[in-house]
Amino acid sequence: MIVPTRNEARNLEVVLPAVAAVRPAVYEVIVVDGDSKDGTVETARRVLPGVRIVRQTRKGKGNAMACGFAAATGDAIVMFDADGSADPQEIPRFVAALVEGADFAKGSRFTKGGGSDDITLLRKGGNAGLNLIANTLFGTRYSDLCYGYNAFWADILPLLELPAVDMPPHPDGGMYWGDGFEIETVLNCRVAAAALSITEVPSVEKERMFGETNLRTFADGTRVLRTLAAERRRAGRDDRPAATGTAVPGPAAVVPPAGHPAVPATPATAPVPPAVPDRAVPAAQPQRPAPRPHADAPAPQRPQQPSRPAPQPQPGAGRPAPQQPVPSPVAREQRPVGAERDGSARPERTGVRYAWGEEAS
């Protein structure tokens, strides 16, 4: 579990003990600190002795998340805010969605079973508009684009091509594209463009416990809109070689809005940022189901980890036999089709399922 922090000491006194009480136990908790001045790191060590502390290498939430992703050792990664707005007791729902076949478990406040104690009518309307734009551009069925409570399998990280954590800070004091609050929208777009299987998980957002939010309704909404446009251009570049048969030397760099320089793609093995060596005894972590076999080749089997037993699959949770994928201008041809996998029979390349068979409200 990755928890980005900046001056969140009071909140961590409540949040981290609540995370420790989750059963099944969380395999590892990584707090990524952004130069806090209120004793956030000391508080984290005091209330959860086994916590891992990672110092982010640049500024911005996106860089903090990327540093946490690089340091994680588990098979499944959960993104978790430190302000107390997310409920740790929902973590098993996200993990269950992954074990049942999803590549990406997307939290949603607006699907059946979800809700929010913090969102305003203005923000709710803006979120609905951004959902419509994202779903039109990427062929998805997101019901809550702007929510950061998500989980995914760690082996999809190379597909996300986030900025490398060992790059030096931007010379102008700004941020590279993907280092800021646009990270959540970037992830949602790239998961969709890669044709990964997406399951929406109902989640209830609480109010921030202490401190003030950094959210700016109009500025952040505009930033999300620009992110959608930039990521759609990026997805179009990735699809063009497959459509024309022209080889390219590597994935195209993002063309971000003005003021946010593009960065080269992250290598498959990203450097790990510095971390505190003390570690807790890890709990058993979930193991990803075997990948679906290709149409004309047997699927490679993932090696078993004797110290981390795989969870017992739920009845009916196995992945069905693969079907012929439907081509899409957004999806990469080599990725599996989410819609066929989850049985929704949607024609889009990227499918969004709902946990426990629930439908969007």
Protein backbone atom coordinates (compact mmCIF):
# COMPACT_ATOMS: atom_id res chain seq x y z
CA MET A 1 0.00 0.00 0.00
CA ILE A 2 1.39 3.40 -1.05
CA VAL A 3 0.60 6.44 1.14
CA PRO A 4 1.94 9.80 -0.16
CA THR A 5 2.34 12.39 2.60
CA ARG A 6 3.24 16.00 3.18
CA ASN A 7 2.60 17.37 6.66
CA GLU A 8 0.05 14.68 7.56
CA ALA A 9 1.28 13.79 11.07
CA ARG A 10 -2.09 14.24 12.83
CA ASN A 11 -3.92 12.24 10.20
CA LEU A 12 -1.39 9.38 10.26
CA GLU A 13 -1.98 8.94 14.00
CA VAL A 14 -5.46 7.72 13.06
CA VAL A 15 -4.98 6.31 9.57
CA LEU A 16 -2.01 3.97 10.08
CA PRO A 17 -3.42 2.12 13.13
CA ALA A 18 -6.65 1.66 11.14
CA VAL A 19 -4.63 0.17 8.27
CA ALA A 20 -2.87 -2.17 10.71
CA ALA A 21 -6.26 -3.44 11.88
CA VAL A 22 -7.33 -4.56 8.38
CA ARG A 23 -7.77 -8.30 7.96
CA PRO A 24 -6.39 -10.00 5.98
CA ALA A 25 -3.34 -7.96 6.96
CA VAL A 26 -1.77 -5.55 4.50
CA TYR A 27 1.48 -7.01 3.17
CA GLU A 28 3.49 -3.78 3.42
CA VAL A 29 2.79 -0.09 4.05
CA ILE A 30 5.03 2.45 2.30
CA VAL A 31 4.81 6.09 3.36
CA VAL A 32 6.33 8.35 0.71
CA ASP A 33 7.17 11.68 2.31
CA GLY A 34 7.55 14.99 0.52
CA ASP A 35 9.78 16.90 2.95
CA SER A 36 7.21 17.25 5.74
CA LYS A 37 7.93 19.76 8.52
CA ASP A 38 5.41 18.55 11.12
CA GLY A 39 7.01 15.26 12.16
CA THR A 40 5.11 13.08 9.67
CA VAL A 41 7.94 10.54 9.35
CA GLU A 42 8.48 10.28 13.11
CA THR A 43 4.74 9.87 13.68
CA ALA A 44 4.53 7.11 11.08
CA ARG A 45 7.36 5.17 12.73
CA ARG A 46 5.82 5.61 16.16
CA VAL A 47 2.27 4.46 15.36
CA LEU A 48 3.28 1.72 12.89
CA PRO A 49 6.80 0.47 13.69
CA GLY A 50 7.01 -1.75 10.62
CA VAL A 51 6.21 1.02 8.15
CA ARG A 52 8.62 1.67 5.28
CA ILE A 53 9.62 5.29 4.74
CA VAL A 54 10.60 6.46 1.24
CA ARG A 55 11.70 10.00 0.41
CA GLN A 56 10.29 11.26 -2.85
CA THR A 57 12.93 12.41 -5.33
CA ARG A 58 11.11 15.44 -6.73
CA LYS A 59 7.98 17.37 -5.83
CA GLY A 60 4.37 16.55 -6.64
CA LYS A 61 1.92 13.76 -5.84
CA GLY A 62 2.71 11.97 -9.09
CA ASN A 63 6.40 11.70 -8.22
CA ALA A 64 5.50 10.50 -4.71
CA MET A 65 3.32 7.74 -6.14
CA ALA A 66 5.99 6.73 -8.68
CA CYS A 67 8.60 6.49 -5.89
CA GLY A 68 6.25 4.29 -3.90
CA PHE A 69 5.52 2.07 -6.91
CA ALA A 70 9.26 1.62 -7.51
CA ALA A 71 9.88 0.66 -3.88
CA ALA A 72 6.96 -1.77 -3.56
CA THR A 73 7.82 -5.48 -3.34
CA GLY A 74 4.32 -6.96 -3.39
CA ASP A 75 2.39 -8.28 -6.38
CA ALA A 76 -0.59 -5.97 -5.80
CA ILE A 77 -0.39 -2.20 -5.14
CA VAL A 78 -3.06 -0.08 -3.44
CA MET A 79 -3.07 3.74 -3.74
CA PHE A 80 -4.22 5.28 -0.45
CA ASP A 81 -4.55 8.92 0.67
CA ALA A 82 -3.22 9.95 4.08
CA ASP A 83 -5.91 12.53 4.90
CA GLY A 84 -8.40 10.05 6.35
CA SER A 85 -10.85 10.31 3.45
CA ALA A 86 -10.35 6.67 2.41
CA ASP A 87 -11.61 3.71 4.46
CA PRO A 88 -8.92 1.05 5.06
CA GLN A 89 -11.63 -1.57 5.58
CA GLU A 90 -12.37 -1.35 1.84
CA ILE A 91 -8.88 -2.61 0.91
CA PRO A 92 -10.00 -6.28 0.77
CA ARG A 93 -12.65 -5.30 -1.81
CA PHE A 94 -9.98 -3.91 -4.13
CA VAL A 95 -7.73 -6.93 -3.67
CA ALA A 96 -10.65 -9.28 -4.27
CA ALA A 97 -11.42 -7.52 -7.56
CA LEU A 98 -7.82 -8.12 -8.68
CA VAL A 99 -7.82 -11.76 -7.60
CA GLU A 100 -11.07 -12.29 -9.50
CA GLY A 101 -9.44 -11.22 -12.75
CA ALA A 102 -9.12 -7.43 -12.99
CA ASP A 103 -5.84 -5.77 -13.93
CA PHE A 104 -6.94 -2.46 -12.38
CA ALA A 105 -9.48 -1.99 -9.55
CA LYS A 106 -10.94 1.52 -9.83
CA GLY A 107 -12.61 3.04 -6.78
CA SER A 108 -15.91 4.80 -7.47
CA ARG A 109 -18.07 7.02 -5.27
CA PHE A 110 -20.88 7.02 -7.83
CA THR A 111 -21.54 3.34 -8.41
CA LYS A 112 -24.02 1.37 -6.30
CA GLY A 113 -22.66 1.06 -2.75
CA GLY A 114 -20.37 4.09 -3.03
CA GLY A 115 -20.79 7.62 -1.75
CA SER A 116 -19.07 10.76 -0.50
CA ASP A 117 -19.30 12.94 2.60
CA ASP A 118 -16.91 15.48 1.11
CA ILE A 119 -17.86 16.26 -2.49
CA THR A 120 -19.78 19.43 -3.34
CA LEU A 121 -22.53 19.75 -5.94
CA LEU A 122 -20.18 21.77 -8.17
CA ARG A 123 -17.42 19.17 -8.03
CA LYS A 124 -19.93 16.36 -8.61
CA GLY A 125 -21.20 18.06 -11.76
CA GLY A 126 -17.68 18.72 -13.00
CA ASN A 127 -16.72 15.10 -12.37
CA ALA A 128 -19.72 13.89 -14.39
CA GLY A 129 -18.67 16.07 -17.32
CA LEU A 130 -15.08 14.82 -17.19
CA ASN A 131 -16.35 11.22 -17.01
CA LEU A 132 -18.32 11.76 -20.21
CA ILE A 133 -15.29 13.19 -22.01
CA ALA A 134 -12.98 10.39 -20.82
CA ASN A 135 -15.45 7.66 -21.74
CA THR A 136 -15.92 9.18 -25.20
CA LEU A 137 -12.18 9.47 -25.83
CA PHE A 138 -11.13 6.07 -24.48
CA GLY A 139 -14.21 3.88 -24.92
CA THR A 140 -14.56 3.26 -21.20
CA ARG A 141 -17.45 3.32 -18.75
CA TYR A 142 -15.84 5.12 -15.83
CA SER A 143 -18.34 6.45 -13.31
CA ASP A 144 -15.76 8.33 -11.19
CA LEU A 145 -12.70 9.51 -13.08
CA CYS A 146 -11.40 11.86 -10.36
CA TYR A 147 -11.01 9.45 -7.44
CA GLY A 148 -7.60 8.29 -6.27
CA TYR A 149 -8.46 5.11 -4.34
CA ASN A 150 -7.27 2.43 -6.77
CA ALA A 151 -5.38 -0.87 -6.86
CA PHE A 152 -3.55 -2.76 -9.59
CA TRP A 153 -1.12 -5.60 -10.23
CA ALA A 154 2.49 -4.45 -10.04
CA ASP A 155 3.40 -6.16 -13.32
CA ILE A 156 1.45 -3.58 -15.35
CA LEU A 157 3.78 -0.75 -14.25
CA PRO A 158 5.96 -0.93 -17.41
CA LEU A 159 2.83 -0.24 -19.49
CA LEU A 160 2.14 2.96 -17.55
CA GLU A 161 5.49 4.56 -18.50
CA LEU A 162 5.63 6.99 -15.60
CA PRO A 163 8.50 9.51 -15.26
CA ALA A 164 11.66 7.86 -13.94
CA VAL A 165 12.18 8.49 -10.24
CA ASP A 166 15.92 9.10 -10.63
CA MET A 167 15.56 12.08 -12.97
CA PRO A 168 16.87 15.34 -11.47
CA PRO A 169 14.38 18.04 -10.44
CA HIS A 170 13.14 20.25 -13.23
CA PRO A 171 15.70 23.05 -13.83
CA ASP A 172 12.99 25.74 -13.83
CA GLY A 173 11.57 24.59 -10.51
CA GLY A 174 8.44 23.19 -12.20
CA MET A 175 7.24 19.62 -12.56
CA TYR A 176 7.61 17.03 -15.29
CA TRP A 177 4.43 15.78 -16.91
CA GLY A 178 3.05 13.06 -14.62
CA ASP A 179 4.68 14.39 -11.43
CA GLY A 180 1.68 16.47 -10.32
CA PHE A 181 -1.94 15.89 -9.35
CA GLU A 182 -2.67 14.75 -12.90
CA ILE A 183 -1.21 11.34 -11.96
CA GLU A 184 -4.60 9.76 -11.22
CA THR A 185 -6.07 10.82 -14.57
CA VAL A 186 -2.87 9.73 -16.32
CA LEU A 187 -3.16 6.25 -14.78
CA ASN A 188 -6.83 5.92 -15.73
CA CYS A 189 -6.11 6.95 -19.32
CA ARG A 190 -3.08 4.69 -19.77
CA VAL A 191 -4.81 1.69 -18.27
CA ALA A 192 -7.65 2.22 -20.74
CA ALA A 193 -5.30 2.78 -23.69
CA ALA A 194 -3.47 -0.45 -22.84
CA ALA A 195 -6.79 -2.37 -23.01
CA LEU A 196 -6.42 -3.71 -19.48
CA SER A 197 -9.35 -5.24 -17.60
CA ILE A 198 -10.92 -2.66 -15.25
CA THR A 199 -13.31 -3.34 -12.37
CA GLU A 200 -15.03 -0.51 -10.51
CA VAL A 201 -15.20 -1.01 -6.76
CA PRO A 202 -17.77 0.94 -4.69
CA SER A 203 -16.12 3.22 -2.15
CA VAL A 204 -17.34 5.77 0.39
CA GLU A 205 -15.26 8.94 0.68
CA LYS A 206 -15.07 10.60 4.10
CA GLU A 207 -14.18 14.16 4.98
CA ARG A 208 -10.53 15.05 5.58
CA MET A 209 -9.83 14.73 9.30
CA PHE A 210 -7.16 17.41 9.89
CA GLY A 211 -5.52 20.11 7.80
CA GLU A 212 -6.66 21.78 4.61
CA THR A 213 -7.12 20.20 1.22
CA ASN A 214 -4.97 21.21 -1.73
CA LEU A 215 -7.87 20.67 -4.13
CA ARG A 216 -8.79 23.65 -6.34
CA THR A 217 -12.03 22.98 -8.15
CA PHE A 218 -11.59 25.05 -11.33
CA ALA A 219 -7.80 24.82 -11.64
CA ASP A 220 -7.73 21.07 -11.06
CA GLY A 221 -10.72 20.49 -13.33
CA THR A 222 -8.97 22.35 -16.13
CA ARG A 223 -5.81 20.35 -15.50
CA VAL A 224 -7.76 17.07 -15.78
CA LEU A 225 -9.31 18.23 -19.05
CA ARG A 226 -5.88 19.07 -20.49
CA THR A 227 -4.60 15.71 -19.26
CA LEU A 228 -7.36 13.88 -21.13
CA ALA A 229 -6.47 15.69 -24.35
CA ALA A 230 -2.73 15.01 -23.96
CA GLU A 231 -3.23 11.34 -23.10
CA ARG A 232 -5.59 10.82 -26.03
CA ARG A 233 -2.93 12.19 -28.38
CA ARG A 234 -0.44 9.84 -26.78
CA ALA A 235 -2.75 6.85 -27.23
CA GLY A 236 -3.20 7.77 -30.89
CA ARG A 237 0.55 7.71 -31.43
CA ASP A 238 0.84 4.29 -29.83
CA ASP A 239 -1.86 2.88 -32.11
CA ARG A 240 -0.59 4.35 -35.39
CA PRO A 241 2.28 1.84 -35.96
CA ALA A 242 -0.07 -1.10 -35.38
CA ALA A 243 -2.52 0.27 -37.94
CA THR A 244 0.04 1.09 -40.65
CA GLY A 245 2.55 -1.68 -40.05
CA THR A 246 5.37 0.86 -39.67
CA ALA A 247 7.98 0.04 -37.05
CA VAL A 248 9.03 2.67 -34.55
CA PRO A 249 12.08 2.69 -32.26
CA GLY A 250 10.05 2.94 -29.04
CA PRO A 251 6.94 4.37 -27.38
CA ALA A 252 6.20 7.99 -28.18
CA ALA A 253 6.85 10.57 -25.51
CA VAL A 254 3.88 12.39 -24.05
CA VAL A 255 3.10 15.79 -25.55
CA PRO A 256 1.88 17.62 -22.42
CA PRO A 257 0.16 20.98 -22.24
CA ALA A 258 2.35 24.07 -22.24
CA GLY A 259 4.55 24.48 -19.19
CA HIS A 260 4.96 20.74 -18.50
CA PRO A 261 7.92 19.25 -20.38
CA ALA A 262 7.63 15.67 -21.57
CA VAL A 263 9.92 13.04 -20.11
CA PRO A 264 11.32 9.88 -21.67
CA ALA A 265 9.57 6.62 -20.95
CA THR A 266 10.44 4.92 -17.71
CA PRO A 267 12.63 1.82 -18.18
CA ALA A 268 11.08 -1.53 -17.34
CA THR A 269 13.18 -1.74 -14.17
CA ALA A 270 12.92 1.61 -12.41
CA PRO A 271 15.49 2.65 -9.81
CA VAL A 272 14.20 2.37 -6.27
CA PRO A 273 14.29 5.61 -4.21
CA PRO A 274 16.06 5.55 -0.84
CA ALA A 275 14.10 3.81 1.88
CA VAL A 276 14.52 3.22 5.60
CA PRO A 277 15.90 -0.31 6.13
CA ASP A 278 13.63 -1.37 9.00
CA ARG A 279 10.88 -3.71 7.84
CA ALA A 280 7.91 -5.40 9.43
CA VAL A 281 7.35 -9.13 9.12
CA PRO A 282 5.26 -9.19 5.93
CA ALA A 283 1.83 -10.70 5.83
CA ALA A 284 0.81 -13.06 3.07
CA GLN A 285 0.14 -11.12 -0.11
CA PRO A 286 -2.38 -11.91 -2.85
CA GLN A 287 -1.09 -13.77 -5.87
CA ARG A 288 -2.19 -12.86 -9.36
CA PRO A 289 -4.21 -15.50 -11.24
CA ALA A 290 -2.43 -17.16 -14.15
CA PRO A 291 -2.71 -15.07 -17.33
CA ARG A 292 -5.18 -16.13 -19.99
CA PRO A 293 -3.66 -18.32 -22.74
CA HIS A 294 -3.11 -16.80 -26.16
CA ALA A 295 -5.19 -18.18 -28.99
CA ASP A 296 -2.31 -20.18 -30.49
CA ALA A 297 0.16 -20.58 -27.63
CA PRO A 298 0.01 -21.92 -24.07
CA ALA A 299 0.09 -19.30 -21.33
CA PRO A 300 3.33 -19.07 -19.32
CA GLN A 301 2.87 -19.97 -15.68
CA ARG A 302 3.92 -17.54 -12.99
CA PRO A 303 6.34 -19.11 -10.45
CA GLN A 304 4.85 -19.81 -7.04
CA GLN A 305 6.20 -18.00 -3.98
CA PRO A 306 6.31 -20.56 -1.15
CA SER A 307 6.33 -17.89 1.57
CA ARG A 308 3.28 -16.10 0.18
CA PRO A 309 0.38 -18.51 -0.33
CA ALA A 310 -2.17 -17.59 -2.96
CA PRO A 311 -5.71 -16.77 -1.76
CA GLN A 312 -8.43 -19.35 -2.31
CA PRO A 313 -10.43 -18.40 -5.40
CA GLN A 314 -14.09 -17.67 -4.94
CA PRO A 315 -16.64 -19.87 -6.70
CA GLY A 316 -16.99 -18.73 -10.26
CA ALA A 317 -14.04 -16.35 -9.97
CA GLY A 318 -11.88 -18.11 -12.55
CA ARG A 319 -11.27 -16.40 -15.84
CA PRO A 320 -13.34 -17.75 -18.75
CA ALA A 321 -11.86 -19.03 -21.96
CA PRO A 322 -10.53 -16.25 -24.22
CA GLN A 323 -12.61 -14.95 -27.08
CA GLN A 324 -11.60 -13.23 -30.29
CA PRO A 325 -10.86 -9.54 -29.40
CA VAL A 326 -12.68 -6.72 -31.12
CA PRO A 327 -10.25 -4.19 -32.66
CA SER A 328 -10.37 -0.61 -31.39
CA PRO A 329 -8.47 2.51 -32.53
CA VAL A 330 -7.44 3.22 -28.92
CA ALA A 331 -6.38 -0.21 -27.65
CA ARG A 332 -3.14 -1.97 -28.38
CA GLU A 333 -3.78 -5.15 -30.35
CA GLN A 334 -1.67 -7.41 -28.18
CA ARG A 335 -3.46 -6.76 -24.88
CA PRO A 336 -6.33 -9.01 -23.65
CA VAL A 337 -9.87 -7.71 -23.93
CA GLY A 338 -11.50 -6.80 -20.62
CA ALA A 339 -15.09 -6.99 -21.85
CA GLU A 340 -14.85 -10.60 -23.06
CA ARG A 341 -13.14 -11.55 -19.83
CA ASP A 342 -15.76 -10.18 -17.51
CA GLY A 343 -18.68 -11.42 -19.58
CA SER A 344 -20.28 -8.05 -20.24
CA ALA A 345 -20.08 -8.62 -24.03
CA ARG A 346 -19.35 -4.94 -24.61
CA PRO A 347 -17.99 -4.07 -28.09
CA GLU A 348 -15.42 -1.62 -26.66
CA ARG A 349 -11.83 -2.70 -26.32
CA THR A 350 -11.65 -1.64 -22.68
CA GLY A 351 -14.33 -2.88 -20.29
CA VAL A 352 -15.29 -1.65 -16.86
CA ARG A 353 -16.86 -4.22 -14.56
CA TYR A 354 -18.54 -3.65 -11.24
CA ALA A 355 -17.52 -5.53 -8.12
CA TRP A 356 -19.99 -8.24 -7.04
CA GLY A 357 -22.07 -7.77 -10.19
CA GLU A 358 -23.24 -4.27 -9.28
CA GLU A 359 -24.22 -1.72 -11.86
CA ALA A 360 -23.57 2.00 -12.06
CA SER A 361 -26.13 4.16 -10.36
